[in-house]
C-alpha atoms as a PDB file:
ATOM      1  CA  MET A   1       0.015   0.103   0.457  1.00  0.00           C
ATOM      2  CA  VAL A   2       0.960   3.224  -1.067  1.00  0.00           C
ATOM      3  CA  THR A   3       0.942   6.288   2.085  1.00  0.00           C
ATOM      4  CA  GLN A   4      -0.145   9.094   1.654  1.00  0.00           C
ATOM      5  CA  THR A   5       3.604  10.898   1.139  1.00  0.00           C
ATOM      6  CA  GLN A   6       4.797   8.611  -1.470  1.00  0.00           C
ATOM      7  CA  PHE A   7       1.631   9.487  -3.116  1.00  0.00           C
ATOM      8  CA  GLU A   8       2.220  12.747  -2.967  1.00  0.00           C
ATOM      9  CA  LEU A   9       6.082  12.396  -3.555  1.00  0.00           C
ATOM     10  CA  ALA A  10       5.443  10.446  -6.531  1.00  0.00           C
ATOM     11  CA  GLN A  11       2.670  12.794  -8.360  1.00  0.00           C
ATOM     12  CA  GLN A  12       5.351  15.980  -7.366  1.00  0.00           C
ATOM     13  CA  ILE A  13       7.936  13.747  -9.294  1.00  0.00           C
ATOM     14  CA  GLY A  14       5.750  13.123 -11.945  1.00  0.00           C
ATOM     15  CA  GLN A  15       5.002  17.009 -12.301  1.00  0.00           C
ATOM     16  CA  TRP A  16       8.739  17.393 -12.245  1.00  0.00           C
ATOM     17  CA  LEU A  17       9.304  15.157 -14.898  1.00  0.00           C
ATOM     18  CA  GLN A  18       5.983  15.947 -17.147  1.00  0.00           C
ATOM     19  CA  ALA A  19       7.533  19.513 -17.290  1.00  0.00           C
ATOM     20  CA  ARG A  20      10.592  18.741 -18.319  1.00  0.00           C
ATOM     21  CA  ASN A  21       9.301  15.894 -21.384  1.00  0.00           C
ATOM     22  CA  TRP A  22      11.232  13.910 -19.791  1.00  0.00           C
ATOM     23  CA  HIS A  23      10.413   9.941 -17.738  1.00  0.00           C
ATOM     24  CA  ILE A  24      11.401   7.834 -15.782  1.00  0.00           C
ATOM     25  CA  ALA A  25      13.050   3.927 -14.793  1.00  0.00           C
ATOM     26  CA  THR A  26      12.969   1.640 -11.988  1.00  0.00           C
ATOM     27  CA  ALA A  27      15.933  -0.204 -10.612  1.00  0.00           C
ATOM     28  CA  GLU A  28      14.516  -2.347  -7.157  1.00  0.00           C
ATOM     29  CA  SER A  29      16.385  -4.720  -5.110  1.00  0.00           C
ATOM     30  CA  CYS A  30      15.184  -5.023  -1.723  1.00  0.00           C
ATOM     31  CA  THR A  31      11.812  -1.978  -2.014  1.00  0.00           C
ATOM     32  CA  ALA A  32      11.089  -5.209  -4.978  1.00  0.00           C
ATOM     33  CA  GLY A  33       9.301  -2.961  -7.504  1.00  0.00           C
ATOM     34  CA  GLY A  34       7.839  -0.665  -4.529  1.00  0.00           C
ATOM     35  CA  ILE A  35       8.581   2.472  -6.403  1.00  0.00           C
ATOM     36  CA  GLY A  36       7.100   0.824  -9.381  1.00  0.00           C
ATOM     37  CA  TYR A  37       4.197   0.895  -7.426  1.00  0.00           C
ATOM     38  CA  ALA A  38       4.251   4.365  -5.932  1.00  0.00           C
ATOM     39  CA  LEU A  39       4.436   5.720  -9.415  1.00  0.00           C
ATOM     40  CA  SER A  40       1.628   4.129 -11.045  1.00  0.00           C
ATOM     41  CA  ALA A  41      -0.549   5.707  -8.663  1.00  0.00           C
ATOM     42  CA  VAL A  42      -0.395   8.395 -10.020  1.00  0.00           C
ATOM     43  CA  ALA A  43      -3.294   8.465 -12.466  1.00  0.00           C
ATOM     44  CA  GLY A  44      -2.206   9.569 -15.404  1.00  0.00           C
ATOM     45  CA  SER A  45       1.501   7.645 -14.599  1.00  0.00           C
ATOM     46  CA  SER A  46       1.909   6.654 -18.508  1.00  0.00           C
ATOM     47  CA  ALA A  47       3.000   9.581 -19.795  1.00  0.00           C
ATOM     48  CA  TRP A  48       6.077   9.191 -17.616  1.00  0.00           C
ATOM     49  CA  PHE A  49       6.633   6.316 -15.557  1.00  0.00           C
ATOM     50  CA  GLU A  50       8.362   3.402 -18.520  1.00  0.00           C
ATOM     51  CA  GLY A  51       8.499   0.492 -15.414  1.00  0.00           C
ATOM     52  CA  GLY A  52      10.488  -1.115 -13.969  1.00  0.00           C
ATOM     53  CA  PHE A  53      13.018  -3.292 -13.359  1.00  0.00           C
ATOM     54  CA  ILE A  54      12.570  -5.247  -9.626  1.00  0.00           C
ATOM     55  CA  THR A  55      16.271  -7.482  -9.363  1.00  0.00           C
ATOM     56  CA  TYR A  56      16.695  -9.217  -5.728  1.00  0.00           C
ATOM     57  CA  SER A  57      19.847 -10.992  -6.751  1.00  0.00           C
ATOM     58  CA  ASN A  58      23.038 -10.345  -8.306  1.00  0.00           C
ATOM     59  CA  ALA A  59      22.703 -12.219 -10.812  1.00  0.00           C
ATOM     60  CA  LEU A  60      19.579 -10.343 -12.417  1.00  0.00           C
ATOM     61  CA  LYS A  61      21.527  -7.383 -11.625  1.00  0.00           C
ATOM     62  CA  MET A  62      23.947  -8.540 -13.918  1.00  0.00           C
ATOM     63  CA  ARG A  63      21.549 -10.286 -16.608  1.00  0.00           C
ATOM     64  CA  ILE A  64      19.189  -7.564 -17.083  1.00  0.00           C
ATOM     65  CA  LEU A  65      20.951  -5.037 -15.607  1.00  0.00           C
ATOM     66  CA  GLY A  66      24.468  -4.887 -17.109  1.00  0.00           C
ATOM     67  CA  VAL A  67      25.771  -5.077 -13.400  1.00  0.00           C
ATOM     68  CA  SER A  68      29.383  -6.552 -13.783  1.00  0.00           C
ATOM     69  CA  GLU A  69      30.200  -9.454 -11.591  1.00  0.00           C
ATOM     70  CA  ALA A  70      33.483  -7.612 -10.912  1.00  0.00           C
ATOM     71  CA  THR A  71      31.686  -4.994  -9.441  1.00  0.00           C
ATOM     72  CA  LEU A  72      29.426  -7.304  -7.220  1.00  0.00           C
ATOM     73  CA  THR A  73      32.554  -9.017  -6.037  1.00  0.00           C
ATOM     74  CA  GLN A  74      34.680  -6.028  -4.995  1.00  0.00           C
ATOM     75  CA  PHE A  75      31.835  -4.046  -4.343  1.00  0.00           C
ATOM     76  CA  GLY A  76      29.296  -6.280  -3.407  1.00  0.00           C
ATOM     77  CA  ALA A  77      26.054  -5.800  -3.986  1.00  0.00           C
ATOM     78  CA  VAL A  78      24.948  -3.014  -1.346  1.00  0.00           C
ATOM     79  CA  SER A  79      27.479   0.040  -2.503  1.00  0.00           C
ATOM     80  CA  ALA A  80      27.673   3.040  -4.745  1.00  0.00           C
ATOM     81  CA  GLU A  81      28.900   1.614  -7.404  1.00  0.00           C
ATOM     82  CA  THR A  82      26.135  -1.461  -7.741  1.00  0.00           C
ATOM     83  CA  ALA A  83      23.482   1.610  -7.290  1.00  0.00           C
ATOM     84  CA  GLU A  84      25.067   3.516  -9.994  1.00  0.00           C
ATOM     85  CA  ALA A  85      25.160   0.459 -12.503  1.00  0.00           C
ATOM     86  CA  MET A  86      22.173  -0.515 -11.964  1.00  0.00           C
ATOM     87  CA  ALA A  87      20.565   2.851 -12.426  1.00  0.00           C
ATOM     88  CA  LEU A  88      22.366   3.179 -15.665  1.00  0.00           C
ATOM     89  CA  GLY A  89      21.655  -0.465 -16.549  1.00  0.00           C
ATOM     90  CA  ALA A  90      17.612   1.049 -16.284  1.00  0.00           C
ATOM     91  CA  GLN A  91      18.382   3.944 -17.844  1.00  0.00           C
ATOM     92  CA  GLN A  92      19.772   2.231 -20.774  1.00  0.00           C
ATOM     93  CA  MET A  93      17.679  -0.372 -20.881  1.00  0.00           C
ATOM     94  CA  ALA A  94      14.425   1.655 -20.758  1.00  0.00           C
ATOM     95  CA  GLN A  95      15.463   4.412 -23.322  1.00  0.00           C
ATOM     96  CA  THR A  96      14.723   6.967 -20.304  1.00  0.00           C
ATOM     97  CA  GLU A  97      16.167  10.900 -18.606  1.00  0.00           C
ATOM     98  CA  LEU A  98      15.473   9.230 -15.229  1.00  0.00           C
ATOM     99  CA  ALA A  99      16.265   6.267 -14.199  1.00  0.00           C
ATOM    100  CA  ILE A 100      16.700   5.436  -9.865  1.00  0.00           C
ATOM    101  CA  ALA A 101      17.579   2.592  -8.711  1.00  0.00           C
ATOM    102  CA  VAL A 102      18.117   1.068  -4.740  1.00  0.00           C
ATOM    103  CA  THR A 103      19.981  -1.506  -3.104  1.00  0.00           C
ATOM    104  CA  GLY A 104      20.106  -2.127   0.978  1.00  0.00           C
ATOM    105  CA  VAL A 105      20.036  -4.494   3.713  1.00  0.00           C
ATOM    106  CA  ALA A 106      16.254  -4.386   5.094  1.00  0.00           C
ATOM    107  CA  GLY A 107      16.446  -6.458   7.681  1.00  0.00           C
ATOM    108  CA  PRO A 108      16.207  -7.888  10.434  1.00  0.00           C
ATOM    109  CA  ALA A 109      18.487 -10.191   8.789  1.00  0.00           C
ATOM    110  CA  GLY A 110      21.886  -9.904   6.118  1.00  0.00           C
ATOM    111  CA  GLY A 111      23.767  -6.903   8.095  1.00  0.00           C
ATOM    112  CA  THR A 112      27.359  -6.943   8.789  1.00  0.00           C
ATOM    113  CA  ALA A 113      29.520  -4.041  10.502  1.00  0.00           C
ATOM    114  CA  SER A 114      30.293  -2.652   7.061  1.00  0.00           C
ATOM    115  CA  LYS A 115      26.884  -2.387   6.043  1.00  0.00           C
ATOM    116  CA  PRO A 116      24.243  -3.199   8.665  1.00  0.00           C
ATOM    117  CA  VAL A 117      20.801  -3.697   8.335  1.00  0.00           C
ATOM    118  CA  GLY A 118      18.584   0.063   7.434  1.00  0.00           C
ATOM    119  CA  LEU A 119      21.886   1.051   4.844  1.00  0.00           C
ATOM    120  CA  VAL A 120      20.549   2.208   1.951  1.00  0.00           C
ATOM    121  CA  TRP A 121      22.457   2.814  -1.689  1.00  0.00           C
ATOM    122  CA  PHE A 122      20.774   4.887  -4.322  1.00  0.00           C
ATOM    123  CA  GLY A 123      21.411   5.571  -7.560  1.00  0.00           C
ATOM    124  CA  LEU A 124      20.526   8.113 -10.202  1.00  0.00           C
ATOM    125  CA  ALA A 125      21.180   8.190 -13.489  1.00  0.00           C
ATOM    126  CA  HIS A 126      20.281  12.010 -15.421  1.00  0.00           C
ATOM    127  CA  PRO A 127      21.176  13.150 -18.796  1.00  0.00           C
ATOM    128  CA  GLN A 128      24.350  14.582 -17.518  1.00  0.00           C
ATOM    129  CA  GLY A 129      25.700  11.618 -15.467  1.00  0.00           C
ATOM    130  CA  VAL A 130      24.842   9.083 -12.876  1.00  0.00           C
ATOM    131  CA  LEU A 131      25.035   9.812  -9.047  1.00  0.00           C
ATOM    132  CA  SER A 132      25.154   7.586  -6.367  1.00  0.00           C
ATOM    133  CA  TRP A 133      24.439   8.191  -1.559  1.00  0.00           C
ATOM    134  CA  SER A 134      23.539   5.812   0.913  1.00  0.00           C
ATOM    135  CA  GLN A 135      20.615   6.276   3.842  1.00  0.00           C
ATOM    136  CA  GLN A 136      20.801   4.363   7.251  1.00  0.00           C
ATOM    137  CA  PHE A 137      17.503   3.733   8.158  1.00  0.00           C
ATOM    138  CA  GLY A 138      15.462   3.138  11.276  1.00  0.00           C
ATOM    139  CA  GLY A 139      13.069   0.443  12.437  1.00  0.00           C
ATOM    140  CA  ASP A 140      11.776  -2.639  11.270  1.00  0.00           C
ATOM    141  CA  ARG A 141      11.571  -4.258   7.099  1.00  0.00           C
ATOM    142  CA  ALA A 142       9.217  -2.473   6.716  1.00  0.00           C
ATOM    143  CA  ALA A 143      10.082   0.803   7.972  1.00  0.00           C
ATOM    144  CA  VAL A 144      13.591   0.597   5.623  1.00  0.00           C
ATOM    145  CA  ARG A 145      11.667   0.184   3.195  1.00  0.00           C
ATOM    146  CA  ALA A 146       9.333   2.320   3.462  1.00  0.00           C
ATOM    147  CA  ALA A 147      11.693   4.842   3.778  1.00  0.00           C
ATOM    148  CA  THR A 148      13.613   3.747   0.725  1.00  0.00           C
ATOM    149  CA  ILE A 149      11.216   4.357  -1.140  1.00  0.00           C
ATOM    150  CA  SER A 150      10.091   8.360   0.263  1.00  0.00           C
ATOM    151  CA  GLU A 151      13.455   8.414  -0.774  1.00  0.00           C
ATOM    152  CA  ALA A 152      13.283   7.381  -3.932  1.00  0.00           C
ATOM    153  CA  LEU A 153      10.343   9.321  -4.961  1.00  0.00           C
ATOM    154  CA  SER A 154      12.409  12.779  -2.836  1.00  0.00           C
ATOM    155  CA  SER A 155      15.973  11.621  -5.353  1.00  0.00           C
ATOM    156  CA  TYR A 156      14.770  14.250  -8.292  1.00  0.00           C
ATOM    157  CA  LYS A 157      15.662  17.014  -6.935  1.00  0.00           C
ATOM    158  CA  LYS A 158      19.043  16.364  -6.038  1.00  0.00           C
ATOM    159  CA  ILE A 159      19.601  17.383 -10.370  1.00  0.00           C
ATOM    160  CA  THR A 160      17.105  19.877  -9.507  1.00  0.00           C
END
């Protein structure tokens, strides 16, 4: 279910995209389609939302999005490098101006000292390049995923 805040953020990014005649695609790991679901909750989103790629496994990150095995081996699935490669792969595959990627540790297990539960890396591919950043979210699995979706829906503000 999309929260009211997420719906409003999806409306805002949709308006922003439409004003530029741009389109967006998603590449999602830890949110497993939640960002795409929120975007598609907006009536008329087909004018600016191309679709998304749910690449939960490393195998699909490589096969669908073109993330290199070397990147995954050297940096891991939860890294700036992987988030950037996912975003670029989604942008290329969907042929969009904008692509947002997320990869993280939603929990409750799977965290390590260097990559704790709640750590999420974001990648944003846009016409001028790609950028990445991380967030450390608290709470349970649902809270981490919800916060990740909201952050992703706000990501366009990083390039304006």
